[in-house]
Protein backbone atom coordinates (compact mmCIF):
# COMPACT_ATOMS: atom_id res chain seq x y z
CA UNK A 1 0.00 0.00 0.00
CA UNK A 2 1.65 3.24 -1.14
CA UNK A 3 1.92 6.23 1.18
CA UNK A 4 0.22 8.61 -1.21
CA UNK A 5 -0.07 11.45 1.27
CA UNK A 6 3.64 11.45 2.04
CA UNK A 7 4.38 11.36 -1.69
CA UNK A 8 2.13 14.31 -2.49
CA UNK A 9 3.48 16.30 0.46
CA UNK A 10 7.04 15.82 -0.72
CA UNK A 11 6.20 16.75 -4.32
CA UNK A 12 4.28 19.88 -3.32
CA UNK A 13 6.62 21.05 -0.58
CA UNK A 14 9.76 20.54 -2.64
CA UNK A 15 8.30 21.61 -5.99
CA UNK A 16 9.18 18.31 -7.69
CA UNK A 17 8.02 18.16 -11.32
CA UNK A 18 9.61 14.99 -12.65
CA UNK A 19 7.78 12.40 -10.55
CA UNK A 20 4.59 10.70 -11.78
CA UNK A 21 1.49 12.06 -10.07
CA UNK A 22 -1.29 10.60 -12.23
CA UNK A 23 -0.78 6.93 -11.46
CA UNK A 24 -3.14 4.26 -12.85
CA UNK A 25 -1.91 1.17 -11.04
CA UNK A 26 -5.31 -0.13 -9.94
CA UNK A 27 -3.91 -0.36 -6.41
CA UNK A 28 -5.81 0.68 -3.30
CA UNK A 29 -4.33 2.85 -0.56
CA UNK A 30 -6.02 3.71 2.72
CA UNK A 31 -5.40 7.43 3.20
CA UNK A 32 -7.32 7.84 6.47
CA UNK A 33 -9.30 5.63 8.82
CA UNK A 34 -12.14 4.33 6.68
CA UNK A 35 -11.09 6.24 3.55
CA UNK A 36 -9.44 4.60 0.54
CA UNK A 37 -8.32 5.60 -2.94
CA UNK A 38 -8.01 3.18 -5.85
CA UNK A 39 -5.59 4.70 -8.35
CA UNK A 40 -7.07 4.27 -11.80
CA UNK A 41 -8.44 6.41 -14.64
CA UNK A 42 -10.25 7.98 -12.89
CA UNK A 43 -9.70 7.05 -9.26
CA UNK A 44 -12.39 5.51 -7.11
CA UNK A 45 -12.61 7.12 -3.65
CA UNK A 46 -14.34 5.07 -0.95
CA UNK A 47 -15.67 5.91 2.53
CA UNK A 48 -16.76 3.29 5.06
CA UNK A 49 -20.06 4.01 6.78
CA UNK A 50 -22.36 2.04 9.06
CA UNK A 51 -24.57 1.37 6.03
CA UNK A 52 -21.87 0.25 3.58
CA UNK A 53 -19.46 2.03 1.25
CA UNK A 54 -19.91 5.42 -0.34
CA UNK A 55 -18.00 5.58 -3.61
CA UNK A 56 -17.04 8.67 -5.52
CA UNK A 57 -16.78 7.75 -9.21
CA UNK A 58 -16.32 4.28 -10.65
CA UNK A 59 -13.45 4.76 -13.12
CA UNK A 60 -13.58 3.89 -16.81
CA UNK A 61 -15.06 0.54 -17.84
CA UNK A 62 -11.63 -0.97 -18.51
CA UNK A 63 -10.63 -0.39 -14.88
CA UNK A 64 -13.98 -1.24 -13.31
CA UNK A 65 -13.23 -4.84 -12.41
CA UNK A 66 -9.79 -4.01 -11.00
CA UNK A 67 -11.24 -1.22 -8.88
CA UNK A 68 -13.99 -3.50 -7.59
CA UNK A 69 -11.51 -6.22 -6.71
CA UNK A 70 -9.19 -3.74 -4.99
CA UNK A 71 -12.08 -2.47 -2.87
CA UNK A 72 -13.16 -6.01 -2.00
CA UNK A 73 -9.64 -6.65 -0.72
CA UNK A 74 -10.09 -3.69 1.62
CA UNK A 75 -13.70 -4.11 2.71
CA UNK A 76 -16.44 -6.72 2.35
CA UNK A 77 -19.12 -4.11 3.03
CA UNK A 78 -21.80 -3.62 0.41
CA UNK A 79 -21.73 -0.57 -1.85
CA UNK A 80 -24.48 1.65 -0.46
CA UNK A 81 -24.08 4.83 -2.52
CA UNK A 82 -22.26 5.85 -5.70
CA UNK A 83 -21.69 9.54 -6.34
CA UNK A 84 -20.66 10.63 -9.82
CA UNK A 85 -18.61 13.83 -9.70
CA UNK A 86 -19.61 14.36 -13.35
CA UNK A 87 -20.74 12.39 -16.36
CA UNK A 88 -17.49 11.79 -18.25
CA UNK A 89 -16.94 8.18 -19.22
CA UNK A 90 -13.79 7.77 -17.13
CA UNK A 91 -15.88 8.54 -14.03
CA UNK A 92 -19.06 6.57 -14.72
CA UNK A 93 -17.97 3.79 -17.09
CA UNK A 94 -17.05 1.30 -14.39
CA UNK A 95 -20.39 1.51 -12.56
CA UNK A 96 -21.71 -1.77 -13.95
CA UNK A 97 -19.03 -3.62 -11.99
CA UNK A 98 -20.56 -2.30 -8.75
CA UNK A 99 -24.27 -2.01 -9.63
CA UNK A 100 -26.41 -2.90 -12.65
CA UNK A 101 -28.01 0.55 -12.57
CA UNK A 102 -25.68 3.10 -14.16
CA UNK A 103 -27.77 6.27 -14.43
CA UNK A 104 -28.02 8.27 -11.18
CA UNK A 105 -31.20 7.69 -9.20
CA UNK A 106 -31.01 11.12 -7.52
CA UNK A 107 -30.01 14.43 -9.05
CA UNK A 108 -29.90 17.99 -7.69
CA UNK A 109 -29.33 21.54 -8.91
CA UNK A 110 -27.40 23.40 -6.20
CA UNK A 111 -26.65 21.24 -3.18
CA UNK A 112 -27.72 17.98 -1.58
CA UNK A 113 -27.18 16.69 1.94
CA UNK A 114 -26.91 12.94 2.45
CA UNK A 115 -26.70 10.82 5.58
CA UNK A 116 -25.31 7.39 4.79
CA UNK A 117 -25.00 5.18 7.83
CA UNK A 118 -24.40 8.18 10.09
CA UNK A 119 -21.81 9.74 7.77
CA UNK A 120 -22.82 13.16 6.48
CA UNK A 121 -22.01 13.94 2.87
CA UNK A 122 -22.60 17.42 1.43
CA UNK A 123 -22.76 17.62 -2.37
CA UNK A 124 -22.24 20.96 -4.11
CA UNK A 125 -22.87 21.64 -7.79
CA UNK A 126 -20.54 23.96 -9.68
CA UNK A 127 -19.70 24.28 -13.35
CA UNK A 128 -16.08 23.62 -14.25
CA UNK A 129 -14.81 21.02 -16.68
CA UNK A 130 -18.48 20.19 -17.26
CA UNK A 131 -21.77 21.87 -16.48
CA UNK A 132 -22.84 18.91 -14.33
CA UNK A 133 -19.83 18.83 -12.01
CA UNK A 134 -19.99 18.46 -8.24
CA UNK A 135 -17.63 18.41 -5.32
CA UNK A 136 -18.31 16.95 -1.89
CA UNK A 137 -17.58 17.84 1.72
CA UNK A 138 -17.44 15.03 4.27
CA UNK A 139 -17.33 16.80 7.66
CA UNK A 140 -16.43 13.80 9.82
CA UNK A 141 -13.19 13.38 7.86
CA UNK A 142 -12.71 17.10 7.06
CA UNK A 143 -12.34 15.82 3.52
CA UNK A 144 -13.18 17.17 0.08
CA UNK A 145 -13.81 14.88 -2.90
CA UNK A 146 -12.95 17.13 -5.82
CA UNK A 147 -13.54 15.14 -8.99
CA UNK A 148 -11.75 16.90 -11.84
CA UNK A 149 -11.57 20.33 -10.23
CA UNK A 150 -7.96 19.29 -9.60
CA UNK A 151 -6.13 16.93 -11.96
CA UNK A 152 -2.54 17.69 -10.96
CA UNK A 153 -2.07 19.63 -14.19
CA UNK A 154 -3.30 22.97 -15.46
CA UNK A 155 -7.12 22.99 -15.28
CA UNK A 156 -8.79 21.30 -18.22
CA UNK A 157 -10.81 24.43 -18.97
CA UNK A 158 -9.82 25.02 -22.59
CA UNK A 159 -9.81 21.68 -24.37
CA UNK A 160 -9.85 22.57 -28.10
CA UNK A 161 -11.97 19.54 -29.04
CA UNK A 162 -14.66 19.78 -26.34
CA UNK A 163 -17.72 21.85 -25.46
CA UNK A 164 -17.71 25.04 -23.41
CA UNK A 165 -15.96 25.00 -20.05
CA UNK A 166 -16.23 27.45 -17.17
CA UNK A 167 -13.10 28.97 -15.59
CA UNK A 168 -14.93 31.58 -13.47
CA UNK A 169 -17.11 28.98 -11.77
CA UNK A 170 -14.12 26.64 -11.56
CA UNK A 171 -12.16 29.22 -9.56
CA UNK A 172 -15.24 29.87 -7.41
CA UNK A 173 -15.43 26.17 -6.57
CA UNK A 174 -11.79 26.16 -5.46
CA UNK A 175 -12.52 29.13 -3.19
CA UNK A 176 -15.56 27.37 -1.72
CA UNK A 177 -13.55 24.21 -1.06
CA UNK A 178 -10.82 26.23 0.64
CA UNK A 179 -13.42 27.90 2.88
CA UNK A 180 -14.24 24.48 4.33
CA UNK A 181 -10.65 24.28 5.63
CA UNK A 182 -10.22 20.66 4.52
CA UNK A 183 -7.48 18.52 5.98
CA UNK A 184 -7.81 15.82 3.32
CA UNK A 185 -8.26 16.56 -0.39
CA UNK A 186 -9.21 13.74 -2.75
CA UNK A 187 -9.08 14.48 -6.50
CA UNK A 188 -10.20 12.00 -9.14
CA UNK A 189 -6.86 12.24 -10.95
CA UNK A 190 -3.51 12.67 -9.28
CA UNK A 191 -2.48 12.28 -5.68
CA UNK A 192 -4.55 12.92 -2.55
CA UNK A 193 -3.28 15.79 -0.42
CA UNK A 194 -3.12 16.14 3.37
CA UNK A 195 -2.76 19.20 5.55
CA UNK A 196 -4.91 22.32 5.85
CA UNK A 197 -2.25 24.82 4.82
CA UNK A 198 -0.89 22.69 2.00
CA UNK A 199 -4.37 22.15 0.54
CA UNK A 200 -5.24 25.83 0.90
CA UNK A 201 -2.10 26.77 -1.02
CA UNK A 202 -2.96 24.43 -3.88
CA UNK A 203 -6.55 25.67 -4.12
CA UNK A 204 -5.39 29.28 -3.99
CA UNK A 205 -2.92 28.76 -6.82
CA UNK A 206 -5.48 27.13 -9.10
CA UNK A 207 -8.03 29.85 -8.41
CA UNK A 208 -5.50 32.64 -8.94
CA UNK A 209 -4.39 31.17 -12.28
CA UNK A 210 -7.94 30.94 -13.62
CA UNK A 211 -9.07 34.28 -12.19
CA UNK A 212 -6.08 36.00 -13.72
CA UNK A 213 -6.79 34.59 -17.16
CA UNK A 214 -10.43 35.64 -17.03
CA UNK A 215 -9.56 39.12 -15.75
CA UNK A 216 -6.93 39.78 -18.39
CA UNK A 217 -8.95 38.38 -21.29
CA UNK A 218 -12.05 40.37 -20.37
CA UNK A 219 -10.01 43.54 -19.95
CA UNK A 220 -8.59 43.23 -23.47
CA UNK A 221 -11.98 42.27 -24.91
CA UNK A 222 -13.48 45.39 -23.38
CA UNK A 223 -10.64 47.41 -24.92
CA UNK A 224 -11.66 46.08 -28.34
CA UNK A 225 -8.76 43.66 -28.86
CA UNK A 226 -9.12 40.79 -31.31
CA UNK A 227 -8.80 37.18 -30.26
CA UNK A 228 -5.46 36.89 -32.04
CA UNK A 229 -4.06 39.79 -29.99
CA UNK A 230 -5.35 38.31 -26.75
CA UNK A 231 -4.04 34.80 -27.42
CA UNK A 232 -0.56 36.20 -27.99
CA UNK A 233 -0.68 38.58 -25.01
CA UNK A 234 -2.35 36.98 -21.98
CA UNK A 235 -0.15 34.73 -19.88
CA UNK A 236 -0.23 32.87 -16.58
CA UNK A 237 2.73 33.83 -14.37
CA UNK A 238 5.63 31.44 -14.88
CA UNK A 239 5.93 30.77 -11.16
CA UNK A 240 2.40 29.34 -11.11
CA UNK A 241 2.96 27.14 -14.16
CA UNK A 242 6.07 25.78 -12.44
CA UNK A 243 3.99 24.29 -9.61
CA UNK A 244 3.84 20.47 -9.81
CA UNK A 245 0.01 20.60 -9.82
CA UNK A 246 -0.31 23.39 -12.43
CA UNK A 247 2.05 22.36 -15.19
CA UNK A 248 0.39 22.51 -18.65
CA UNK A 249 0.86 18.83 -19.38
CA UNK A 250 -2.73 18.16 -20.50
CA UNK A 251 -4.54 21.41 -21.19
CA UNK A 252 -2.78 24.78 -21.34
CA UNK A 253 -3.54 28.45 -20.66
CA UNK A 254 -3.61 29.45 -24.35
CA UNK A 255 -6.54 27.11 -24.90
CA UNK A 256 -8.33 28.46 -21.82
CA UNK A 257 -7.99 31.98 -23.27
CA UNK A 258 -9.88 30.83 -26.36
CA UNK A 259 -12.60 29.26 -24.22
CA UNK A 260 -13.02 32.47 -22.25
CA UNK A 261 -13.40 34.38 -25.52
CA UNK A 262 -15.96 31.84 -26.76
CA UNK A 263 -17.93 32.09 -23.52
CA UNK A 264 -18.16 35.88 -23.46
CA UNK A 265 -17.55 36.94 -27.05
CA UNK A 266 -18.97 34.24 -29.31
CA UNK A 267 -17.28 32.47 -32.20
CA UNK A 268 -16.14 35.50 -34.21
CA UNK A 269 -12.50 36.38 -33.53
CA UNK A 270 -12.74 40.10 -34.29
CA UNK A 271 -11.15 39.92 -37.73
CA UNK A 272 -13.73 41.22 -40.27
CA UNK A 273 -12.41 38.87 -42.97
CA UNK A 274 -13.31 35.91 -40.76
CA UNK A 275 -17.01 36.71 -40.41
CA UNK A 276 -17.65 35.14 -43.82
CA UNK A 277 -14.23 33.88 -44.91
CA UNK A 278 -13.06 32.38 -48.16
CA UNK A 279 -12.40 28.65 -48.16
CA UNK A 280 -9.02 27.66 -46.74
CA UNK A 281 -8.12 25.91 -49.99
CA UNK A 282 -8.84 29.06 -52.01
CA UNK A 283 -6.68 31.19 -49.74
CA UNK A 284 -3.93 28.59 -49.90
CA UNK A 285 -4.02 28.48 -53.70
CA UNK A 286 -3.75 32.27 -53.95
CA UNK A 287 -0.89 32.48 -51.45
CA UNK A 288 0.94 29.63 -53.20
CA UNK A 289 0.57 31.41 -56.54
CA UNK A 290 2.00 34.61 -55.06
CA UNK A 291 4.88 32.68 -53.52
CA UNK A 292 5.77 30.89 -56.74
CA UNK A 293 4.14 27.54 -56.00
CA UNK A 294 3.34 25.21 -53.12
CA UNK A 295 6.90 23.91 -53.17
CA UNK A 296 8.22 27.38 -52.33
CA UNK A 297 5.88 27.59 -49.37
CA UNK A 298 6.96 24.16 -48.16
CA UNK A 299 10.65 25.05 -48.49
CA UNK A 300 10.14 28.26 -46.56
CA UNK A 301 8.26 26.35 -43.86
CA UNK A 302 11.25 24.05 -43.47
CA UNK A 303 13.55 27.07 -43.17
CA UNK A 304 11.37 28.72 -40.54
CA UNK A 305 10.75 25.61 -38.49
CA UNK A 306 13.89 25.98 -36.41
CA UNK A 307 13.20 29.60 -35.44
CA UNK A 308 9.43 30.13 -35.71
CA UNK A 309 7.61 26.82 -35.86
CA UNK A 310 4.22 28.46 -35.35
CA UNK A 311 4.65 30.44 -38.55
CA UNK A 312 6.11 27.41 -40.30
CA UNK A 313 2.90 25.47 -39.59
CA UNK A 314 0.79 28.11 -41.34
CA UNK A 315 2.99 28.04 -44.44
CA UNK A 316 3.12 24.29 -44.68
CA UNK A 317 -0.67 24.06 -44.25
CA UNK A 318 -1.14 26.45 -47.16
CA UNK A 319 1.30 24.38 -49.17
CA UNK A 320 -0.54 21.10 -48.66
CA UNK A 321 -3.94 22.67 -49.23
CA UNK A 322 -2.70 24.17 -52.48
CA UNK A 323 -1.08 20.90 -53.60
CA UNK A 324 -2.81 18.07 -51.70
CA UNK A 325 -1.27 15.31 -53.83
CA UNK A 326 2.34 16.57 -53.77
CA UNK A 327 4.51 14.04 -51.91
CA UNK A 328 7.33 16.52 -51.32
CA UNK A 329 4.91 19.00 -49.78
CA UNK A 330 3.52 16.28 -47.50
CA UNK A 331 7.06 15.33 -46.52
CA UNK A 332 7.65 18.93 -45.44
CA UNK A 333 4.38 18.98 -43.52
CA UNK A 334 5.22 15.79 -41.69
CA UNK A 335 8.66 17.16 -40.83
CA UNK A 336 7.34 20.46 -39.53
CA UNK A 337 4.62 18.91 -37.39
CA UNK A 338 6.92 16.27 -35.94
CA UNK A 339 9.22 19.09 -34.88
CA UNK A 340 6.27 21.03 -33.50
CA UNK A 341 5.06 18.04 -31.52
CA UNK A 342 8.49 17.46 -29.98
CA UNK A 343 8.49 20.94 -28.49
CA UNK A 344 5.05 20.76 -26.88
CA UNK A 345 4.28 19.91 -23.27
CA UNK A 346 0.50 19.46 -23.26
CA UNK A 347 -1.05 16.17 -24.31
CA UNK A 348 -3.65 17.99 -26.41
CA UNK A 349 -1.08 19.85 -28.50
CA UNK A 350 1.05 16.75 -28.92
CA UNK A 351 -1.97 14.78 -30.09
CA UNK A 352 -3.14 17.32 -32.66
CA UNK A 353 0.31 17.97 -34.12
CA UNK A 354 1.19 14.29 -34.11
CA UNK A 355 -2.00 13.49 -36.00
CA UNK A 356 -1.19 16.11 -38.62
CA UNK A 357 2.27 14.62 -39.12
CA UNK A 358 0.82 11.09 -39.40
CA UNK A 359 -1.71 12.25 -42.01
CA UNK A 360 1.07 13.50 -44.28
CA UNK A 361 3.33 10.51 -43.61
CA UNK A 362 0.52 8.30 -44.85
CA UNK A 363 0.65 10.16 -48.20
CA UNK A 364 4.36 9.51 -48.78
């Protein structure tokens, strides 16, 4: 049984950034008397009560059986209550291994107080990664079950391939959790955290990062700035991004900026040409003609890649759109995006750029 609390304390207190924090071993660790965490994707958090186990989340289907077996090795008590922190598949997919009924039997809008075998559980709704998210306060353990409000990475509030997310409410949730003065903090991804001051510091940092992004984006929007200007101006302080629980290894602040714009400003980016734009392929063909052909664009993209890979990606995209069957152009595109991927930290960026490279490699 791993000492997860000691591990998280050391990582937070010493600022360690090269040690795995999102572990998916399927192993169970008791983190307090009657409280256990099964490390999976997502975790399953369990509380013993006089009327059986209260579970927070059930992991993804592929981990469901392992999580069930790990819990059975810890307790033979029946599962009395399952709480979904939100509806994402990695939190609800394993439910069938605990109970045939997967959809929640009870829902609420703002808050819900439960008494399970003498253990009080307070559920609080707040929008964050999803609009159906909740966090829980368990007074007898001075514990918070946080779901994905903390994932030991920069908040997943800007995912470029997902629906709207809510950084203002996300920060508000972190403030509300801190106000409870928890001594045990149990996220659905990453390590549990112990200690009132340590937890308060983590919650403060996450809230400050999100609040700062929203403040700065809205200020520039109100000044009439375009999305392009804002994306290339607004930043999270480097000292916050250096924290082991705020590193942009999954989502990243630049994507959150775009989500804030979308939430408050709509889909138009402020560039008049983009209200009703020409087709990308038509723009690419015109630019390629001006440059002397798609090959010239591809060559220039290769030249720029070492010094300005962002700009290189634009040129090589024009090149391949202007000459979609040109093997040399696809070779350049694959080269540029492989280089781009190698310099990225977030999983989302790596995935998108890697896919682009693979698309062109398949044409060679």
